[in-house]
């Protein structure tokens, strides 16, 4: 596996990871990659997908709002735009 395939995912922004993932998916769908490159692309894609899911979960938690439940109490509630 090349260094690019195994390293650097954690440093990518959500947008960068999604862009790279889209490119990898497109290349895999074309079906013209040699087997070893296809396997590496799939492995890298899995890392990128997991990274994006982690970033989305973190963003969701940031959007959740604190709701006061009484004197000294608080809880998290999903963000409600309405």
C-alpha atoms as a PDB file:
ATOM      1  CA  UNK A   1       0.000   0.000   0.000  1.00  0.00           C
ATOM      2  CA  UNK A   2       1.276   3.449  -0.782  1.00  0.00           C
ATOM      3  CA  UNK A   3       1.714   6.149   1.845  1.00  0.00           C
ATOM      4  CA  UNK A   4      -1.062   8.198   0.216  1.00  0.00           C
ATOM      5  CA  UNK A   5      -3.444   5.265   0.631  1.00  0.00           C
ATOM      6  CA  UNK A   6      -2.858   4.867   4.360  1.00  0.00           C
ATOM      7  CA  UNK A   7      -1.925   8.329   5.654  1.00  0.00           C
ATOM      8  CA  UNK A   8      -3.296  11.820   5.782  1.00  0.00           C
ATOM      9  CA  UNK A   9      -7.027  11.151   6.064  1.00  0.00           C
ATOM     10  CA  UNK A  10      -7.288  12.637   9.565  1.00  0.00           C
ATOM     11  CA  UNK A  11      -5.861  15.957   8.363  1.00  0.00           C
ATOM     12  CA  UNK A  12      -8.490  16.382   5.629  1.00  0.00           C
ATOM     13  CA  UNK A  13     -11.503  18.637   6.007  1.00  0.00           C
ATOM     14  CA  UNK A  14     -14.918  17.123   5.391  1.00  0.00           C
ATOM     15  CA  UNK A  15     -15.070  18.759   1.970  1.00  0.00           C
ATOM     16  CA  UNK A  16     -11.611  17.526   0.960  1.00  0.00           C
ATOM     17  CA  UNK A  17     -12.422  13.976   2.076  1.00  0.00           C
ATOM     18  CA  UNK A  18     -15.744  13.991   0.201  1.00  0.00           C
ATOM     19  CA  UNK A  19     -14.095  15.280  -2.965  1.00  0.00           C
ATOM     20  CA  UNK A  20     -11.426  12.581  -2.836  1.00  0.00           C
ATOM     21  CA  UNK A  21     -14.053   9.941  -2.066  1.00  0.00           C
ATOM     22  CA  UNK A  22     -16.125  11.019  -5.074  1.00  0.00           C
ATOM     23  CA  UNK A  23     -13.069  10.760  -7.324  1.00  0.00           C
ATOM     24  CA  UNK A  24     -12.253   7.278  -6.001  1.00  0.00           C
ATOM     25  CA  UNK A  25     -15.833   6.092  -6.480  1.00  0.00           C
ATOM     26  CA  UNK A  26     -15.855   7.422 -10.036  1.00  0.00           C
ATOM     27  CA  UNK A  27     -12.584   5.625 -10.826  1.00  0.00           C
ATOM     28  CA  UNK A  28     -13.868   2.373  -9.305  1.00  0.00           C
ATOM     29  CA  UNK A  29     -17.153   2.616 -11.211  1.00  0.00           C
ATOM     30  CA  UNK A  30     -15.264   2.997 -14.489  1.00  0.00           C
ATOM     31  CA  UNK A  31     -13.822  -0.463 -13.859  1.00  0.00           C
ATOM     32  CA  UNK A  32     -10.495   0.205 -15.549  1.00  0.00           C
ATOM     33  CA  UNK A  33      -8.192   0.050 -12.523  1.00  0.00           C
ATOM     34  CA  UNK A  34      -5.830  -2.872 -12.157  1.00  0.00           C
ATOM     35  CA  UNK A  35      -6.869  -5.158  -9.307  1.00  0.00           C
ATOM     36  CA  UNK A  36      -4.250  -3.953  -6.807  1.00  0.00           C
ATOM     37  CA  UNK A  37      -5.086  -0.290  -7.458  1.00  0.00           C
ATOM     38  CA  UNK A  38      -8.802  -1.037  -7.137  1.00  0.00           C
ATOM     39  CA  UNK A  39      -8.204  -2.684  -3.757  1.00  0.00           C
ATOM     40  CA  UNK A  40      -6.130   0.284  -2.589  1.00  0.00           C
ATOM     41  CA  UNK A  41      -8.797   2.713  -3.806  1.00  0.00           C
ATOM     42  CA  UNK A  42     -11.473   0.726  -1.956  1.00  0.00           C
ATOM     43  CA  UNK A  43      -9.423   0.717   1.257  1.00  0.00           C
ATOM     44  CA  UNK A  44      -8.751   4.456   0.977  1.00  0.00           C
ATOM     45  CA  UNK A  45     -12.427   5.035   0.235  1.00  0.00           C
ATOM     46  CA  UNK A  46     -13.397   3.171   3.391  1.00  0.00           C
ATOM     47  CA  UNK A  47     -11.064   5.379   5.445  1.00  0.00           C
ATOM     48  CA  UNK A  48     -12.475   8.497   3.799  1.00  0.00           C
ATOM     49  CA  UNK A  49     -16.081   7.376   4.381  1.00  0.00           C
ATOM     50  CA  UNK A  50     -15.398   6.735   8.064  1.00  0.00           C
ATOM     51  CA  UNK A  51     -13.656  10.111   8.359  1.00  0.00           C
ATOM     52  CA  UNK A  52     -16.649  11.888   6.791  1.00  0.00           C
ATOM     53  CA  UNK A  53     -19.074  10.094   9.109  1.00  0.00           C
ATOM     54  CA  UNK A  54     -16.994  11.154  12.121  1.00  0.00           C
ATOM     55  CA  UNK A  55     -16.921  14.762  10.918  1.00  0.00           C
ATOM     56  CA  UNK A  56     -20.693  14.736  10.377  1.00  0.00           C
ATOM     57  CA  UNK A  57     -21.319  13.319  13.847  1.00  0.00           C
ATOM     58  CA  UNK A  58     -19.098  16.016  15.372  1.00  0.00           C
ATOM     59  CA  UNK A  59     -20.981  18.687  13.436  1.00  0.00           C
ATOM     60  CA  UNK A  60     -24.317  17.296  14.646  1.00  0.00           C
ATOM     61  CA  UNK A  61     -23.176  17.476  18.245  1.00  0.00           C
ATOM     62  CA  UNK A  62     -22.148  21.094  17.741  1.00  0.00           C
ATOM     63  CA  UNK A  63     -25.578  21.911  16.327  1.00  0.00           C
ATOM     64  CA  UNK A  64     -27.403  20.263  19.223  1.00  0.00           C
ATOM     65  CA  UNK A  65     -28.527  22.876  21.665  1.00  0.00           C
ATOM     66  CA  UNK A  66     -28.449  23.006  25.414  1.00  0.00           C
ATOM     67  CA  UNK A  67     -31.938  23.118  26.934  1.00  0.00           C
ATOM     68  CA  UNK A  68     -32.364  24.345  30.474  1.00  0.00           C
ATOM     69  CA  UNK A  69     -34.483  21.884  32.453  1.00  0.00           C
ATOM     70  CA  UNK A  70     -34.861  23.789  35.688  1.00  0.00           C
ATOM     71  CA  UNK A  71     -32.719  25.197  38.443  1.00  0.00           C
ATOM     72  CA  UNK A  72     -29.199  23.989  37.737  1.00  0.00           C
ATOM     73  CA  UNK A  73     -30.281  21.393  35.166  1.00  0.00           C
ATOM     74  CA  UNK A  74     -29.598  21.162  31.477  1.00  0.00           C
ATOM     75  CA  UNK A  75     -29.825  18.629  28.677  1.00  0.00           C
ATOM     76  CA  UNK A  76     -29.057  18.412  24.979  1.00  0.00           C
ATOM     77  CA  UNK A  77     -31.853  18.530  22.449  1.00  0.00           C
ATOM     78  CA  UNK A  78     -31.641  18.246  18.665  1.00  0.00           C
ATOM     79  CA  UNK A  79     -31.467  21.556  16.884  1.00  0.00           C
ATOM     80  CA  UNK A  80     -34.921  22.693  15.766  1.00  0.00           C
ATOM     81  CA  UNK A  81     -34.855  25.407  13.110  1.00  0.00           C
ATOM     82  CA  UNK A  82     -38.539  26.239  13.603  1.00  0.00           C
END
